[in-house]
Every structure is written in structure tokens, then in C-alpha cells.
Protein backbone atom coordinates (compact mmCIF):
# COMPACT_ATOMS: atom_id res chain seq x y z
CA MET A 1 45.37 -240.78 53.72
CA ALA A 2 42.08 -239.08 52.31
CA THR A 3 40.60 -236.34 54.10
CA GLN A 4 37.15 -237.09 55.43
CA ALA A 5 34.51 -234.28 55.48
CA ALA A 6 33.27 -233.36 58.98
CA VAL A 7 29.71 -234.05 59.78
CA VAL A 8 28.28 -231.42 61.97
CA PRO A 9 24.65 -232.13 63.37
CA SER A 10 22.66 -229.05 64.13
CA ALA A 11 20.49 -229.46 66.95
CA ASP A 12 18.54 -226.09 65.92
CA TYR A 13 17.85 -227.65 62.52
CA ARG A 14 16.17 -230.70 64.26
CA LYS A 15 14.01 -228.54 66.54
CA GLU A 16 13.02 -226.12 63.80
CA LEU A 17 11.89 -229.31 61.88
CA GLY A 18 10.03 -230.54 65.02
CA SER A 19 8.13 -227.26 65.05
CA ARG A 20 7.47 -227.33 61.28
CA GLY A 21 5.53 -230.92 61.49
CA GLY A 22 8.41 -233.17 61.38
CA ALA A 23 8.81 -234.23 64.87
CA SER A 24 7.82 -237.81 63.93
CA VAL A 25 11.27 -238.06 62.45
CA ALA A 26 12.56 -239.03 65.70
CA ARG A 27 10.83 -242.25 65.82
CA CYS A 28 12.53 -243.41 62.68
CA TYR A 29 14.82 -246.58 63.21
CA GLN A 30 15.91 -246.91 59.69
CA CYS A 31 14.13 -250.05 58.63
CA ALA A 32 14.02 -248.95 54.97
CA VAL A 33 10.18 -249.75 54.63
CA CYS A 34 9.71 -246.32 53.14
CA SER A 35 12.23 -246.69 50.67
CA SER A 36 10.94 -249.91 49.70
CA VAL A 37 7.40 -249.24 48.94
CA CYS A 38 8.12 -245.81 47.24
CA GLU A 39 7.15 -246.11 43.52
CA LEU A 40 8.80 -242.81 42.76
CA ALA A 41 12.43 -243.62 44.15
CA PRO A 42 14.97 -244.77 41.64
CA ALA A 43 16.55 -247.92 42.47
CA GLY A 44 20.03 -246.58 42.64
CA ALA A 45 19.06 -243.80 44.81
CA PRO A 46 16.23 -244.81 47.01
CA PHE A 47 14.33 -242.40 49.19
CA PRO A 48 13.41 -241.18 51.84
CA ARG A 49 15.17 -243.49 54.22
CA ARG A 50 18.37 -241.78 53.83
CA GLN A 51 16.71 -238.35 54.05
CA MET A 52 15.16 -239.37 57.23
CA LEU A 53 18.54 -240.06 58.58
CA LEU A 54 19.94 -236.89 57.51
CA ALA A 55 17.27 -234.85 59.31
CA GLN A 56 17.66 -236.70 62.63
CA TRP A 57 21.09 -235.73 62.39
CA GLY A 58 20.03 -232.11 61.63
CA LEU A 59 22.20 -232.07 58.50
CA GLY A 60 20.03 -229.07 56.73
CA ASP A 61 22.77 -228.19 54.39
CA GLN A 62 22.90 -231.70 52.67
CA LEU A 63 19.33 -231.69 52.64
CA ALA A 64 18.99 -228.49 50.88
CA GLY A 65 21.18 -229.71 47.96
CA ASP A 66 19.28 -233.18 47.92
CA PRO A 67 17.20 -233.73 44.75
CA ALA A 68 15.32 -236.57 46.50
CA VAL A 69 13.57 -234.04 48.79
CA TRP A 70 11.97 -232.53 45.54
CA LEU A 71 11.49 -236.06 43.70
CA CYS A 72 9.18 -237.03 46.64
CA HIS A 73 5.46 -236.10 45.77
CA GLN A 74 4.20 -236.88 49.37
CA CYS A 75 2.42 -239.95 48.02
CA ASN A 76 2.49 -241.05 51.47
CA ASP A 77 2.66 -244.58 50.70
CA CYS A 78 5.75 -244.65 52.99
CA SER A 79 3.68 -243.18 55.87
CA GLU A 80 1.00 -245.67 55.37
CA ARG A 81 3.35 -248.52 55.84
CA CYS A 82 5.59 -246.94 58.56
CA PRO A 83 5.89 -249.54 61.31
CA ARG A 84 6.99 -246.75 63.64
CA ASP A 85 4.55 -244.10 62.50
CA ALA A 86 7.45 -241.89 61.76
CA LYS A 87 5.45 -240.18 58.79
CA PRO A 88 8.23 -239.88 56.02
CA GLY A 89 5.99 -238.16 53.89
CA ASP A 90 5.04 -235.22 56.18
CA VAL A 91 8.79 -235.01 57.22
CA MET A 92 10.02 -234.69 53.72
CA GLN A 93 7.22 -231.89 53.12
CA SER A 94 8.49 -229.97 56.22
CA ILE A 95 11.95 -230.41 54.85
CA ARG A 96 10.86 -228.75 51.43
CA ALA A 97 9.20 -225.90 53.23
CA MET A 98 12.52 -225.10 55.29
CA THR A 99 14.46 -225.50 51.98
CA VAL A 100 12.40 -222.90 50.41
CA GLU A 101 12.93 -220.59 53.30
CA LYS A 102 16.75 -221.56 53.25
CA LEU A 103 17.01 -220.35 49.61
CA ALA A 104 14.69 -217.48 49.61
CA VAL A 105 16.01 -214.03 48.37
CA PRO A 106 15.86 -211.95 50.38
CA LYS A 107 15.86 -214.00 53.46
CA PHE A 108 13.35 -212.04 55.49
CA MET A 109 10.59 -212.64 52.87
CA GLY A 110 11.18 -216.49 53.15
CA SER A 111 10.81 -216.37 56.84
CA LEU A 112 7.76 -214.39 56.63
CA VAL A 113 6.01 -216.96 54.57
CA SER A 114 7.22 -219.52 56.33
CA LYS A 115 5.54 -218.24 59.60
CA ALA A 116 2.19 -217.66 57.65
CA ARG A 117 0.33 -218.98 60.85
CA THR A 118 1.06 -215.65 62.62
CA THR A 119 2.34 -213.58 59.80
CA TRP A 120 -0.74 -213.74 57.44
CA PRO A 121 -2.32 -210.55 58.28
CA LEU A 122 0.88 -208.79 57.45
CA LEU A 123 1.19 -210.81 54.25
CA LEU A 124 -2.49 -210.25 53.20
CA GLY A 125 -3.30 -206.76 54.91
CA GLY A 126 -0.08 -205.18 53.54
CA PRO A 127 -0.67 -205.19 49.82
CA ILE A 128 -4.48 -204.35 50.54
CA LEU A 129 -3.27 -201.22 52.56
CA PHE A 130 -0.70 -200.43 49.73
CA TRP A 131 -3.40 -200.10 47.22
CA ILE A 132 -5.75 -198.10 49.44
CA LEU A 133 -2.93 -195.66 50.09
CA TYR A 134 -1.61 -195.65 46.43
CA LEU A 135 -5.35 -194.92 45.17
CA ALA A 136 -5.98 -192.30 48.05
CA ALA A 137 -2.77 -190.38 47.16
CA LEU A 138 -3.84 -189.86 43.68
CA GLY A 139 -7.35 -188.93 44.24
CA ARG A 140 -8.92 -192.03 42.63
CA PHE A 141 -11.62 -192.55 45.40
CA ALA A 142 -13.73 -189.48 43.83
CA HIS A 143 -14.04 -191.79 40.69
CA THR A 144 -15.78 -194.66 42.43
CA GLY A 145 -19.03 -193.48 41.15
CA GLU A 146 -18.08 -193.78 37.39
CA VAL A 147 -18.20 -197.69 37.84
CA GLY A 148 -21.33 -199.35 36.44
CA PRO A 149 -22.76 -201.92 33.87
CA ASN A 150 -21.49 -199.85 30.92
CA ALA A 151 -18.32 -198.60 32.52
CA GLY A 152 -15.63 -200.85 33.75
CA PHE A 153 -13.15 -200.59 36.48
CA ASP A 154 -10.66 -198.90 34.76
CA HIS A 155 -12.42 -195.55 34.98
CA PHE A 156 -11.69 -196.14 38.90
CA VAL A 157 -8.16 -197.51 38.51
CA PRO A 158 -6.53 -196.68 35.32
CA HIS A 159 -4.66 -199.40 33.64
CA TRP A 160 -1.33 -197.65 33.78
CA MET A 161 -1.58 -197.88 37.73
CA ILE A 162 -2.03 -201.48 37.49
CA TYR A 163 0.91 -201.97 35.49
CA SER A 164 3.06 -199.44 37.50
CA VAL A 165 2.50 -202.10 40.38
CA TYR A 166 2.44 -205.42 38.65
CA PHE A 167 5.01 -204.92 36.14
CA PRO A 168 7.74 -204.28 38.75
CA VAL A 169 6.50 -206.91 40.79
CA THR A 170 6.54 -209.52 38.29
CA PHE A 171 10.05 -208.34 37.27
CA PHE A 172 10.83 -208.72 41.11
CA VAL A 173 9.45 -212.26 41.47
CA ASN A 174 11.29 -213.51 38.23
CA LEU A 175 14.53 -211.93 39.39
CA VAL A 176 14.42 -213.67 43.12
CA GLY A 177 13.15 -216.98 41.44
CA PHE A 178 16.09 -216.92 39.11
CA SER A 179 18.44 -216.30 42.01
CA SER A 180 17.03 -219.03 44.23
CA GLY A 181 16.75 -221.42 41.34
CA MET A 182 20.56 -220.73 40.54
CA ARG A 183 21.42 -221.29 44.03
CA PHE A 184 19.74 -224.57 44.06
CA TRP A 185 20.75 -225.51 40.84
CA ASN A 186 24.40 -225.25 41.99
CA LEU A 187 23.78 -227.00 45.35
CA LEU A 188 22.54 -229.86 43.17
CA GLY A 189 25.62 -229.87 40.83
CA SER A 190 27.81 -230.14 43.99
CA HIS A 191 26.74 -233.63 44.60
CA SER A 192 26.68 -235.25 41.17
CA ALA A 193 28.02 -234.73 37.77
CA ARG A 194 25.61 -233.51 34.88
CA SER A 195 25.49 -234.16 31.26
CA GLY A 196 23.27 -233.17 28.36
CA SER A 197 21.18 -230.06 27.33
CA PHE A 198 19.12 -228.23 30.06
CA ILE A 199 16.65 -226.88 27.42
CA GLY A 200 16.61 -230.51 25.75
CA THR A 201 15.79 -232.06 29.11
CA LEU A 202 13.30 -229.54 29.87
CA ILE A 203 11.07 -230.55 27.15
CA PRO A 204 10.02 -234.13 28.32
CA ILE A 205 10.19 -232.86 32.09
CA PHE A 206 7.45 -230.36 31.24
CA THR A 207 5.46 -233.07 29.50
CA GLU A 208 5.62 -234.99 32.93
CA ILE A 209 4.53 -232.00 34.65
CA ALA A 210 1.80 -230.96 32.38
CA THR A 211 0.36 -234.35 32.77
CA HIS A 212 1.21 -234.98 36.36
CA LYS A 213 2.56 -238.44 35.41
CA ARG A 214 4.40 -239.21 38.62
CA PHE A 215 1.18 -238.57 40.76
CA GLY A 216 -0.15 -241.57 39.00
CA SER A 217 2.29 -243.82 40.81
CA CYS A 218 0.95 -242.78 44.20
CA GLU A 219 -1.46 -245.14 45.96
CA ALA A 220 -2.28 -243.57 49.46
CA ALA A 221 -2.69 -239.85 48.15
CA ARG A 222 -3.70 -240.43 44.36
CA PRO A 223 -6.71 -238.40 44.48
CA ARG A 224 -4.22 -235.36 45.05
CA LYS A 225 -3.24 -235.70 41.38
CA TRP A 226 -6.21 -234.03 40.42
CA GLY A 227 -6.24 -231.17 42.78
CA HIS A 228 -2.69 -230.30 41.71
CA PHE A 229 -3.74 -230.86 37.82
CA PHE A 230 -6.33 -228.61 37.84
CA LEU A 231 -4.55 -226.00 39.88
CA PHE A 232 -1.71 -226.11 37.65
CA TRP A 233 -3.74 -225.64 34.39
CA GLY A 234 -5.79 -222.85 36.09
CA PHE A 235 -2.52 -220.76 36.60
CA VAL A 236 -1.59 -221.52 32.99
CA GLY A 237 -4.73 -220.49 31.73
CA ALA A 238 -4.85 -217.47 33.61
CA ALA A 239 -1.32 -216.57 32.42
CA ILE A 240 -2.42 -217.22 28.77
CA THR A 241 -5.56 -214.93 29.33
CA SER A 242 -3.42 -211.96 30.68
CA ALA A 243 -1.26 -212.35 27.94
CA PHE A 244 -4.04 -212.06 25.29
CA LEU A 245 -5.63 -209.12 27.16
CA ILE A 246 -2.41 -207.14 26.74
CA VAL A 247 -2.57 -207.81 23.26
CA ILE A 248 -6.17 -206.57 22.51
CA LEU A 249 -5.42 -203.58 24.46
CA TYR A 250 -2.25 -202.45 23.01
CA VAL A 251 -1.61 -204.02 19.52
CA PRO A 252 -3.40 -201.95 17.07
CA PRO A 253 -4.37 -204.77 14.67
CA PHE A 254 -6.16 -206.65 17.56
CA GLN A 255 -7.44 -203.90 19.63
CA GLU A 256 -11.03 -204.16 20.90
CA PRO A 257 -13.19 -202.00 23.16
CA ILE A 258 -13.40 -202.80 26.83
CA PRO A 259 -14.74 -204.06 29.19
CA LEU A 260 -15.30 -207.36 27.11
CA PRO A 261 -18.66 -209.14 26.91
CA LEU A 262 -18.84 -212.26 28.93
CA SER A 263 -19.60 -214.11 25.52
CA HIS A 264 -16.02 -212.96 24.34
CA TRP A 265 -13.46 -215.99 24.02
CA ILE A 266 -10.78 -214.30 26.30
CA LYS A 267 -13.71 -214.02 29.08
CA ILE A 268 -14.51 -217.51 28.30
CA LEU A 269 -10.68 -218.57 28.62
CA GLY A 270 -10.46 -216.67 31.85
CA ASN A 271 -13.63 -218.13 33.55
CA LEU A 272 -12.65 -221.36 32.49
CA SER A 273 -9.17 -220.90 34.15
CA ALA A 274 -10.97 -219.57 37.09
CA VAL A 275 -13.25 -222.75 37.23
CA ALA A 276 -9.90 -224.87 37.11
CA LEU A 277 -8.47 -222.94 40.01
CA VAL A 278 -11.54 -223.25 41.80
CA VAL A 279 -11.87 -227.24 41.26
CA GLY A 280 -8.30 -227.68 41.91
CA GLY A 281 -8.36 -225.63 45.17
CA VAL A 282 -11.45 -226.87 46.55
CA TRP A 283 -10.38 -230.60 45.52
CA LEU A 284 -7.21 -230.16 47.52
CA TRP A 285 -8.80 -228.61 50.50
CA SER A 286 -11.52 -231.25 50.91
CA ASN A 287 -8.86 -233.95 50.25
CA TRP A 288 -7.31 -232.87 53.36
CA GLY A 289 -10.53 -233.44 55.36
CA HIS A 290 -11.79 -236.45 53.60
CA TYR A 291 -8.55 -238.58 53.48
CA GLY A 292 -6.97 -237.53 56.77
CA LYS A 293 -3.68 -239.27 57.62
CA ARG A 294 -3.71 -240.66 53.96
CA ALA A 295 -3.54 -237.22 52.37
CA GLY A 296 -0.74 -236.20 54.88
CA ALA A 297 -0.29 -233.32 57.21
CA SER A 298 -0.79 -229.78 56.15
CA THR A 299 0.85 -226.73 57.67
CA ALA A 300 0.07 -223.21 57.76
CA PHE A 301 2.82 -222.87 55.08
CA ASP A 302 0.74 -225.20 52.67
CA LYS A 303 -2.57 -223.88 53.50
CA PHE A 304 -1.72 -220.16 53.13
CA PHE A 305 -0.95 -220.44 49.51
CA LEU A 306 -4.01 -222.35 48.75
CA TYR A 307 -6.31 -220.05 50.79
CA VAL A 308 -4.88 -217.02 49.03
CA VAL A 309 -5.50 -218.66 45.84
CA LEU A 310 -9.09 -219.57 46.82
CA LEU A 311 -9.38 -215.87 47.97
CA VAL A 312 -8.24 -214.62 44.56
CA ILE A 313 -11.02 -216.55 42.96
CA ALA A 314 -13.68 -215.50 45.32
CA THR A 315 -12.85 -211.90 44.94
CA GLY A 316 -12.42 -212.12 41.26
CA CYS A 317 -15.93 -213.58 40.78
CA PHE A 318 -17.38 -211.22 42.98
CA VAL A 319 -15.52 -208.51 41.16
CA GLU A 320 -16.96 -209.64 37.78
CA THR A 321 -20.62 -209.26 38.77
CA ALA A 322 -20.27 -206.46 41.41
CA ARG A 323 -20.55 -203.64 38.77
CA PHE A 324 -23.82 -205.12 37.68
CA VAL A 325 -25.57 -205.93 41.11
CA PHE A 326 -23.98 -203.54 43.91
CA SER A 327 -23.43 -199.87 44.23
CA PRO A 328 -20.47 -198.27 42.27
CA GLN A 329 -18.92 -197.51 45.64
CA LEU A 330 -19.27 -201.27 46.90
CA ALA A 331 -18.06 -202.66 43.67
CA SER A 332 -14.84 -200.30 43.63
CA TRP A 333 -13.96 -201.43 47.19
CA LEU A 334 -14.38 -205.02 46.22
CA TYR A 335 -12.08 -204.21 43.34
CA VAL A 336 -9.48 -202.92 45.81
CA LEU A 337 -9.69 -205.97 47.79
CA HIS A 338 -9.15 -208.07 44.73
CA LEU A 339 -6.20 -206.01 43.70
CA GLY A 340 -4.55 -206.53 47.05
CA VAL A 341 -5.09 -210.40 47.23
CA VAL A 342 -3.72 -210.59 43.80
CA LEU A 343 -0.68 -208.62 44.81
CA CYS A 344 -0.07 -210.86 47.99
CA LEU A 345 -0.25 -213.93 45.69
CA PHE A 346 2.16 -212.56 43.23
CA VAL A 347 4.75 -211.17 46.05
CA THR A 348 4.55 -214.52 47.81
CA PHE A 349 5.14 -216.70 44.77
CA PRO A 350 8.73 -217.36 45.36
CA TYR A 351 8.16 -218.23 49.02
CA SER A 352 5.32 -220.17 49.18
CA LYS A 353 4.15 -223.59 48.07
CA PHE A 354 3.99 -222.26 44.59
CA ALA A 355 7.98 -222.29 44.68
CA HIS A 356 7.51 -226.15 44.39
CA LEU A 357 7.02 -225.70 40.70
CA LEU A 358 10.54 -224.04 40.48
CA TYR A 359 12.32 -226.47 42.74
CA ARG A 360 10.86 -229.55 41.59
CA THR A 361 11.33 -229.00 38.06
CA LEU A 362 15.04 -228.22 38.56
CA ALA A 363 15.42 -231.72 40.73
CA MET A 364 13.61 -233.57 37.96
CA ILE A 365 15.86 -231.80 35.30
CA HIS A 366 19.00 -232.64 37.29
CA GLU A 367 17.76 -236.46 37.97
CA HIS A 368 17.70 -236.83 34.01
CA MET A 369 21.02 -235.25 33.51
CA SER A 370 22.83 -236.90 36.13
CA THR A 371 24.96 -239.95 35.31
CA PRO A 372 23.69 -243.23 36.74
CA ASP A 373 27.00 -244.03 38.56
CA GLU A 374 27.19 -240.79 40.19
CA ALA A 375 23.61 -239.97 40.86
CA THR A 376 22.86 -239.02 44.54
CA SER A 377 22.53 -242.09 46.79
């Protein structure tokens, strides 16, 4: 006789899910309307009915390795039509947040960001305090008066100080992202077989992500597509701008004096990226207020990432004009604030909503590489 795997429900998981915005899962009576109306769910593996059942049982380990949790884009067509108001879209969002925490490396960082409602002063204040102490220890505050219209912030904070912080942080973020991503990839593979090339599959998946094609299938929350679209390309543009800045700073054939004039093409690219981030961030923020239930519920975990992005943009815009209109001392302190907020954004990348980019990409690749007859059902 074949051995059947034991199903071990977790009351703790159900309780935690309820506190994270998924309490409505208890109202689900498995009518399957949600799976029937979802345009993103594949015919052979419909969701979110099955995931609602797993959540009711508290089967967090199974949900952590379920690609459907990430293939869901919170269109909320399911929530709009649910006869029991079980809000499957919101429940799936809460499951994703809990999965990010479960896969986090190190674990305590995932817990800190997941509890952003109460830990945000530490998450934001810690990096700012770090920069203050670092600059004070090296006596850099004595140089605040050197900043002005014709002198950049590098007179106050030399480039080597910035690199000494952000290069290790970038390495850390990539390391823990790779570690968490591998854990998730292995969990996905434990449920269904895969075939084909990872890289070969990544190319068409990237095209889907770059165009936000799947968001176009949404009805209730379709306006969210453009908020995500602008935010995505704003980050891409900012990354490209940073790469070009390093080139003109240190590659001899391309070196140029800094600060760059506002008319320089790199400055223009950076400013356009900032505009895209502003548009995307404000779009998503206003979407919550304007569309209400149709936009889906938002938790402190969701809002923390968006608010930090908006704060990075706001402080960056102030800093760009500060040395022209403010005193050197005030401009320098605004720059310290900006450096701290940027550090907060970087350090929390693998644990915030930004991690969706990693896990959703892997889930989409897994979906394409899974054999049809063995796909998760």
C-alpha cells in the first residue's frame, strides 16, 4: 500500500495570516468562482481556490513552494465576484508577504521588514544614524561649508566613502537574494518536474515583465499596471544611470568633470528615471485611495516599500537643488538624509515588496519549464 504524506495543519499560520490582512479566508466555502473568473490562472492549474483551501488549513510550507501564489497579480477580479467576500486577492497578497519572510536570509531581517508598521523607525532611522556616525568619526562635518553651486557634495562626502558602504551592501543584497531565490527555486522543483533551459526561458519572461503583459488581463485592478510599469522602468533607468556615472568617473577615455551640468545626457536620464519613479509611486498610492476595494487592501508591508521609494525621490530632488538655494550646512544635512534613506531602500530590497520581482520571475520561469501533465494543480 502506498504511503500517504501526513497533512499537518498549523493554527499559528492561520492566526498570523489573519493578522497580516488575510482573515477573510475563513469565509471561503470553496465555490471556485475565484478560479473560474481569473484570466491569469492556467486551465490545468487554476488558482486561487486551492490556495485558499491550503491557507484555511494553515499549510504554510506547501504555500511557500506554490508558484501560483506568485503567478497571481492581485487583479482582484476574484475578490470582486466572490459571493462570500472572502477577498482571495488580498489573501494571496498576505501569503506572498509571509513567504518573503519565510525565505528571508537572515531570518531576523525578514521579520523586521514584515513588521514595518512598528519597526519603520528602526528600519529608516538606523541607516540615517549610521551615516551620521560614519561621517562624524572621520571628521567630515567640518567640510560642510565647502558645498555650493560650484562644488559638489563629494567635497563633504568623498566618493570612496559612498563606495565603502554601497559596494558591500550591494554584494550583501545580491548574496542573500541569490540564497533566498535558490531556496524558492528548489521548493518549486520539489512539486513538479522542469525541462528546458533556464536562460532560454528567462528571455521571453523578461519581455513579459518589461511590458507588464499579464497585468493587461486584469479588470478590477487594471489601473495598477501603469503604476508598476513606471516604477519598474524608473528603477531600471536609475541603475543604468549609476553604471554610466561610474564609467565617466573612472574609465579614462570617458572621464568628465563633476558635478555634471543639468543639461548632460546622464543627468537627463537620471531625472527621467526619477520622474518615472515619481509617476509610478504616486500612481500606486492614489490608486489605493481612488479605487478602494477594487484596488485591493494594502498593508504596512506594502506601503513601507512605496513610501521609502517616494522618500528617496523627494530627498533626491531636494538634494539636487539644495546646493544652489540653501546654505551649505543645510544642503549637507539634506544629503546625509538622502544617503540614509537610499541605504534603507538598498538594505531592505530582499525583504520588502521589491522581492516580488525575484520570486515572481522565478515562478514564471518555473511555470514555463514545468511539463504540462505535472504542473502544480
